[in-house]
N, C-alpha and C. Protein backbone atom coordinates (compact mmCIF):
# COMPACT_ATOMS: atom_id res chain seq x y z
N UNK A 1 7.70 -16.62 6.04
CA UNK A 1 6.52 -16.09 6.70
C UNK A 1 5.29 -16.84 6.20
N UNK A 2 4.37 -17.13 7.07
CA UNK A 2 3.17 -17.88 6.75
C UNK A 2 2.19 -16.99 5.99
N UNK A 3 1.44 -17.59 5.06
CA UNK A 3 0.44 -16.84 4.30
C UNK A 3 -0.79 -16.63 5.17
N UNK A 4 -0.94 -15.43 5.70
CA UNK A 4 -2.08 -15.11 6.55
C UNK A 4 -2.24 -13.60 6.60
N UNK A 5 -3.31 -13.17 7.24
CA UNK A 5 -3.50 -11.74 7.45
C UNK A 5 -2.59 -11.29 8.58
N UNK A 6 -1.87 -10.22 8.33
CA UNK A 6 -0.95 -9.68 9.33
C UNK A 6 -1.59 -8.50 10.05
N UNK A 7 -1.13 -8.25 11.27
CA UNK A 7 -1.52 -7.05 12.00
C UNK A 7 -0.67 -5.90 11.49
N UNK A 8 -1.10 -4.68 11.77
CA UNK A 8 -0.40 -3.49 11.28
C UNK A 8 1.08 -3.50 11.68
N UNK A 9 1.38 -3.80 12.94
CA UNK A 9 2.79 -3.77 13.37
C UNK A 9 3.62 -4.84 12.66
N UNK A 10 3.02 -6.00 12.40
CA UNK A 10 3.74 -7.04 11.66
C UNK A 10 4.00 -6.58 10.23
N UNK A 11 3.01 -5.95 9.64
CA UNK A 11 3.14 -5.46 8.26
C UNK A 11 4.21 -4.37 8.17
N UNK A 12 4.21 -3.46 9.14
CA UNK A 12 5.23 -2.42 9.17
C UNK A 12 6.63 -3.04 9.28
N UNK A 13 6.75 -4.09 10.08
CA UNK A 13 8.03 -4.75 10.26
C UNK A 13 8.52 -5.37 8.95
N UNK A 14 7.66 -6.10 8.25
CA UNK A 14 8.11 -6.74 7.01
C UNK A 14 8.38 -5.71 5.92
N UNK A 15 7.64 -4.61 5.89
CA UNK A 15 7.91 -3.54 4.93
C UNK A 15 9.27 -2.89 5.23
N UNK A 16 9.49 -2.60 6.50
CA UNK A 16 10.73 -1.95 6.91
C UNK A 16 11.94 -2.83 6.59
N UNK A 17 11.78 -4.13 6.70
CA UNK A 17 12.89 -5.06 6.50
C UNK A 17 12.97 -5.61 5.07
N UNK A 18 12.25 -4.96 4.16
CA UNK A 18 12.31 -5.33 2.75
C UNK A 18 12.05 -6.82 2.50
N UNK A 19 11.11 -7.36 3.24
CA UNK A 19 10.78 -8.78 3.10
C UNK A 19 10.30 -9.07 1.68
N UNK A 20 10.80 -10.12 1.09
CA UNK A 20 10.47 -10.47 -0.29
C UNK A 20 9.05 -11.02 -0.45
N UNK A 21 8.38 -11.28 0.66
CA UNK A 21 7.00 -11.79 0.58
C UNK A 21 5.99 -10.67 0.32
N UNK A 22 6.43 -9.41 0.41
CA UNK A 22 5.54 -8.25 0.23
C UNK A 22 5.46 -7.87 -1.25
N UNK A 23 4.24 -7.67 -1.72
CA UNK A 23 4.00 -7.16 -3.07
C UNK A 23 2.94 -6.07 -2.96
N UNK A 24 3.06 -5.06 -3.81
CA UNK A 24 2.06 -4.00 -3.89
C UNK A 24 1.37 -4.09 -5.23
N UNK A 25 0.08 -3.83 -5.22
CA UNK A 25 -0.69 -3.92 -6.45
C UNK A 25 -1.61 -2.70 -6.53
N UNK A 26 -1.52 -1.97 -7.65
CA UNK A 26 -2.40 -0.82 -7.85
C UNK A 26 -3.83 -1.29 -8.01
N UNK A 27 -4.74 -0.52 -7.45
CA UNK A 27 -6.16 -0.79 -7.67
C UNK A 27 -6.49 -0.39 -9.10
N UNK A 28 -7.27 -1.19 -9.77
CA UNK A 28 -7.71 -0.85 -11.12
C UNK A 28 -9.00 -0.07 -11.02
N UNK A 29 -9.07 1.04 -11.75
CA UNK A 29 -10.27 1.86 -11.75
C UNK A 29 -11.35 1.18 -12.59
N UNK A 30 -12.51 1.02 -12.00
CA UNK A 30 -13.65 0.44 -12.71
C UNK A 30 -14.79 1.43 -12.69
N UNK A 31 -15.80 1.17 -13.47
CA UNK A 31 -16.97 2.07 -13.51
C UNK A 31 -17.65 2.14 -12.14
N UNK A 32 -17.69 1.02 -11.43
CA UNK A 32 -18.36 0.97 -10.14
C UNK A 32 -17.44 1.27 -8.97
N UNK A 33 -16.14 1.23 -9.19
CA UNK A 33 -15.18 1.40 -8.10
C UNK A 33 -15.07 2.84 -7.63
N UNK A 34 -14.57 2.98 -6.42
CA UNK A 34 -14.37 4.30 -5.85
C UNK A 34 -13.26 5.05 -6.57
N UNK A 35 -13.44 6.35 -6.72
CA UNK A 35 -12.40 7.17 -7.34
C UNK A 35 -11.22 7.38 -6.38
N UNK A 36 -11.37 6.97 -5.12
CA UNK A 36 -10.29 7.12 -4.14
C UNK A 36 -9.24 6.01 -4.28
N UNK A 37 -9.65 4.84 -4.72
CA UNK A 37 -8.76 3.68 -4.72
C UNK A 37 -7.47 3.85 -5.52
N UNK A 38 -7.46 4.54 -6.66
CA UNK A 38 -6.19 4.68 -7.40
C UNK A 38 -5.09 5.42 -6.63
N UNK A 39 -5.41 6.08 -5.53
CA UNK A 39 -4.41 6.77 -4.73
C UNK A 39 -3.71 5.82 -3.74
N UNK A 40 -4.07 4.54 -3.79
CA UNK A 40 -3.55 3.56 -2.84
C UNK A 40 -3.10 2.29 -3.57
N UNK A 41 -2.26 1.51 -2.90
CA UNK A 41 -1.84 0.20 -3.37
C UNK A 41 -2.35 -0.86 -2.42
N UNK A 42 -2.85 -1.96 -2.98
CA UNK A 42 -3.18 -3.12 -2.17
C UNK A 42 -1.87 -3.72 -1.68
N UNK A 43 -1.87 -4.28 -0.48
CA UNK A 43 -0.69 -4.94 0.06
C UNK A 43 -0.97 -6.44 0.08
N UNK A 44 -0.06 -7.19 -0.52
CA UNK A 44 -0.16 -8.65 -0.53
C UNK A 44 1.06 -9.23 0.17
N UNK A 45 0.84 -10.22 1.00
CA UNK A 45 1.93 -10.94 1.65
C UNK A 45 1.80 -12.40 1.24
N UNK A 46 2.81 -12.90 0.55
CA UNK A 46 2.76 -14.27 0.01
C UNK A 46 1.49 -14.50 -0.80
N UNK A 47 1.08 -13.47 -1.54
CA UNK A 47 -0.09 -13.58 -2.40
C UNK A 47 -1.42 -13.38 -1.69
N UNK A 48 -1.41 -13.17 -0.39
CA UNK A 48 -2.64 -12.98 0.39
C UNK A 48 -2.90 -11.49 0.54
N UNK A 49 -4.05 -11.03 0.04
CA UNK A 49 -4.42 -9.62 0.15
C UNK A 49 -4.67 -9.29 1.62
N UNK A 50 -3.99 -8.25 2.09
CA UNK A 50 -4.11 -7.84 3.49
C UNK A 50 -5.26 -6.84 3.66
N UNK A 51 -5.64 -6.56 4.90
CA UNK A 51 -6.73 -5.62 5.17
C UNK A 51 -6.20 -4.20 5.32
N UNK A 52 -5.06 -3.94 4.67
CA UNK A 52 -4.43 -2.63 4.69
C UNK A 52 -4.06 -2.23 3.28
N UNK A 53 -3.96 -0.92 3.06
CA UNK A 53 -3.48 -0.38 1.80
C UNK A 53 -2.37 0.61 2.11
N UNK A 54 -1.59 0.95 1.10
CA UNK A 54 -0.48 1.88 1.26
C UNK A 54 -0.78 3.13 0.45
N UNK A 55 -0.75 4.29 1.10
CA UNK A 55 -1.01 5.56 0.44
C UNK A 55 0.15 5.88 -0.51
N UNK A 56 -0.18 6.25 -1.75
CA UNK A 56 0.85 6.60 -2.73
C UNK A 56 1.62 7.86 -2.34
N UNK A 57 0.93 8.82 -1.73
CA UNK A 57 1.57 10.11 -1.45
C UNK A 57 2.48 10.05 -0.23
N UNK A 58 1.98 9.54 0.88
CA UNK A 58 2.76 9.61 2.12
C UNK A 58 3.29 8.26 2.59
N UNK A 59 2.89 7.19 1.92
CA UNK A 59 3.34 5.82 2.24
C UNK A 59 2.84 5.32 3.58
N UNK A 60 1.76 5.89 4.08
CA UNK A 60 1.14 5.41 5.32
C UNK A 60 0.34 4.16 5.06
N UNK A 61 0.28 3.31 6.07
CA UNK A 61 -0.52 2.08 5.99
C UNK A 61 -1.89 2.40 6.57
N UNK A 62 -2.94 2.17 5.76
CA UNK A 62 -4.30 2.50 6.15
C UNK A 62 -5.15 1.23 6.12
N UNK A 63 -6.00 1.04 7.12
CA UNK A 63 -6.90 -0.11 7.14
C UNK A 63 -7.94 0.05 6.05
N UNK A 64 -8.16 -1.02 5.30
CA UNK A 64 -9.19 -0.99 4.24
C UNK A 64 -9.73 -2.40 3.98
N UNK A 65 -11.04 -2.51 4.03
CA UNK A 65 -11.75 -3.72 3.61
C UNK A 65 -12.81 -3.28 2.62
N UNK A 66 -12.93 -3.99 1.53
CA UNK A 66 -13.93 -3.60 0.53
C UNK A 66 -15.33 -3.68 1.10
N UNK A 67 -15.54 -4.53 2.09
CA UNK A 67 -16.88 -4.69 2.67
C UNK A 67 -17.29 -3.52 3.55
N UNK A 68 -16.32 -2.76 4.06
CA UNK A 68 -16.67 -1.65 4.95
C UNK A 68 -16.56 -0.28 4.27
N UNK A 69 -16.12 -0.25 3.03
CA UNK A 69 -16.12 0.99 2.27
C UNK A 69 -14.85 1.81 2.38
N UNK A 70 -14.91 3.00 1.79
CA UNK A 70 -13.72 3.84 1.64
C UNK A 70 -13.70 5.08 2.54
N UNK A 71 -14.52 5.10 3.57
CA UNK A 71 -14.57 6.26 4.46
C UNK A 71 -13.23 6.58 5.10
N UNK A 72 -12.52 5.54 5.54
CA UNK A 72 -11.21 5.73 6.16
C UNK A 72 -10.18 6.26 5.16
N UNK A 73 -10.30 5.80 3.91
CA UNK A 73 -9.38 6.28 2.87
C UNK A 73 -9.63 7.75 2.59
N UNK A 74 -10.90 8.13 2.57
CA UNK A 74 -11.26 9.53 2.31
C UNK A 74 -10.71 10.43 3.42
N UNK A 75 -10.86 10.00 4.68
CA UNK A 75 -10.34 10.77 5.82
C UNK A 75 -8.82 10.88 5.74
N UNK A 76 -8.18 9.78 5.37
CA UNK A 76 -6.72 9.81 5.28
C UNK A 76 -6.26 10.79 4.22
N UNK A 77 -6.88 10.75 3.05
CA UNK A 77 -6.46 11.66 1.97
C UNK A 77 -6.62 13.12 2.38
N UNK A 78 -7.67 13.42 3.14
CA UNK A 78 -7.88 14.79 3.61
C UNK A 78 -6.74 15.21 4.55
N UNK A 79 -6.33 14.32 5.45
CA UNK A 79 -5.24 14.66 6.37
C UNK A 79 -3.88 14.61 5.67
N UNK A 80 -3.75 13.75 4.69
CA UNK A 80 -2.51 13.60 3.94
C UNK A 80 -2.20 14.89 3.18
N UNK A 81 -3.23 15.56 2.69
CA UNK A 81 -3.05 16.82 1.97
C UNK A 81 -2.47 17.90 2.87
N UNK A 82 -2.69 17.80 4.17
CA UNK A 82 -2.22 18.81 5.13
C UNK A 82 -0.82 18.52 5.66
N UNK A 83 -0.23 17.40 5.24
CA UNK A 83 1.07 16.97 5.75
C UNK A 83 2.16 17.97 5.38
N UNK A 84 3.09 18.20 6.31
CA UNK A 84 4.17 19.16 6.03
C UNK A 84 5.22 18.52 5.12
N UNK A 85 6.03 19.34 4.44
CA UNK A 85 7.01 18.84 3.47
C UNK A 85 8.02 17.85 4.05
N UNK A 86 8.42 18.02 5.33
CA UNK A 86 9.38 17.10 5.94
C UNK A 86 8.79 15.69 6.03
N UNK A 87 7.52 15.60 6.43
CA UNK A 87 6.86 14.30 6.53
C UNK A 87 6.77 13.64 5.15
N UNK A 88 6.43 14.42 4.15
CA UNK A 88 6.31 13.89 2.79
C UNK A 88 7.67 13.40 2.30
N UNK A 89 8.73 14.17 2.57
CA UNK A 89 10.07 13.78 2.13
C UNK A 89 10.48 12.46 2.78
N UNK A 90 10.23 12.31 4.08
CA UNK A 90 10.54 11.07 4.78
C UNK A 90 9.78 9.90 4.18
N UNK A 91 8.51 10.11 3.89
CA UNK A 91 7.69 9.05 3.34
C UNK A 91 8.05 8.74 1.89
N UNK A 92 8.58 9.73 1.16
CA UNK A 92 9.03 9.46 -0.20
C UNK A 92 10.24 8.52 -0.20
N UNK A 93 11.09 8.62 0.82
CA UNK A 93 12.19 7.67 0.96
C UNK A 93 11.63 6.26 1.14
N UNK A 94 10.61 6.14 1.96
CA UNK A 94 9.95 4.84 2.14
C UNK A 94 9.38 4.35 0.81
N UNK A 95 8.82 5.27 0.03
CA UNK A 95 8.27 4.91 -1.27
C UNK A 95 9.35 4.32 -2.16
N UNK A 96 10.52 4.93 -2.17
CA UNK A 96 11.62 4.43 -3.00
C UNK A 96 12.04 3.02 -2.58
N UNK A 97 12.07 2.78 -1.28
CA UNK A 97 12.41 1.45 -0.77
C UNK A 97 11.39 0.43 -1.26
N UNK A 98 10.11 0.78 -1.21
CA UNK A 98 9.06 -0.12 -1.68
C UNK A 98 9.20 -0.37 -3.18
N UNK A 99 9.56 0.65 -3.95
CA UNK A 99 9.75 0.46 -5.40
C UNK A 99 10.87 -0.53 -5.66
N UNK A 100 11.93 -0.45 -4.88
CA UNK A 100 13.05 -1.38 -5.05
C UNK A 100 12.60 -2.81 -4.72
N UNK A 101 11.80 -2.94 -3.67
CA UNK A 101 11.29 -4.27 -3.29
C UNK A 101 10.45 -4.85 -4.42
N UNK A 102 9.62 -4.03 -5.03
CA UNK A 102 8.67 -4.52 -6.04
C UNK A 102 9.26 -4.66 -7.43
N UNK A 103 10.46 -4.18 -7.66
CA UNK A 103 11.04 -4.22 -9.00
C UNK A 103 11.01 -5.62 -9.61
N UNK A 104 11.48 -6.67 -8.92
CA UNK A 104 11.43 -8.02 -9.53
C UNK A 104 9.99 -8.46 -9.84
N UNK A 105 9.05 -8.12 -8.97
CA UNK A 105 7.65 -8.49 -9.17
C UNK A 105 7.09 -7.80 -10.42
N UNK A 106 7.37 -6.51 -10.57
CA UNK A 106 6.88 -5.76 -11.72
C UNK A 106 7.51 -6.26 -13.02
N UNK A 107 8.81 -6.59 -12.99
CA UNK A 107 9.46 -7.12 -14.18
C UNK A 107 8.88 -8.46 -14.57
N UNK A 108 8.53 -9.27 -13.58
CA UNK A 108 7.92 -10.57 -13.82
C UNK A 108 6.56 -10.40 -14.51
N UNK A 109 5.79 -9.39 -14.11
CA UNK A 109 4.49 -9.14 -14.74
C UNK A 109 4.66 -8.74 -16.19
N UNK A 110 5.69 -7.96 -16.51
CA UNK A 110 5.93 -7.51 -17.88
C UNK A 110 6.30 -8.69 -18.78
N UNK A 111 6.96 -9.68 -18.22
CA UNK A 111 7.41 -10.83 -19.00
C UNK A 111 6.31 -11.85 -19.27
N UNK A 112 5.17 -11.70 -18.63
CA UNK A 112 4.07 -12.67 -18.82
C UNK A 112 3.27 -12.37 -20.06
């Protein structure tokens, strides 16, 4: 896959197919950073940061650009809290799949 910004449907496809080009990175909390960011993971494809993040709770893909702020993330978290248990259970399975994908990446970071 080429290193570029992907559209949401392309990103969903590579996530669903466990593509090895996908990496997730936790946002680091800073003094100036939003308190919402730690609830999400940055999505990187071939090292290129995408304009989407992945919700830790429900595993939904949410549009996010640092230049436009965290309003969309705040709205998502509000709706995510209202999600029924079946939806959360389904998304937790997706979370486990993502953890398996990222295992080699995380082990590589520990070895550095």
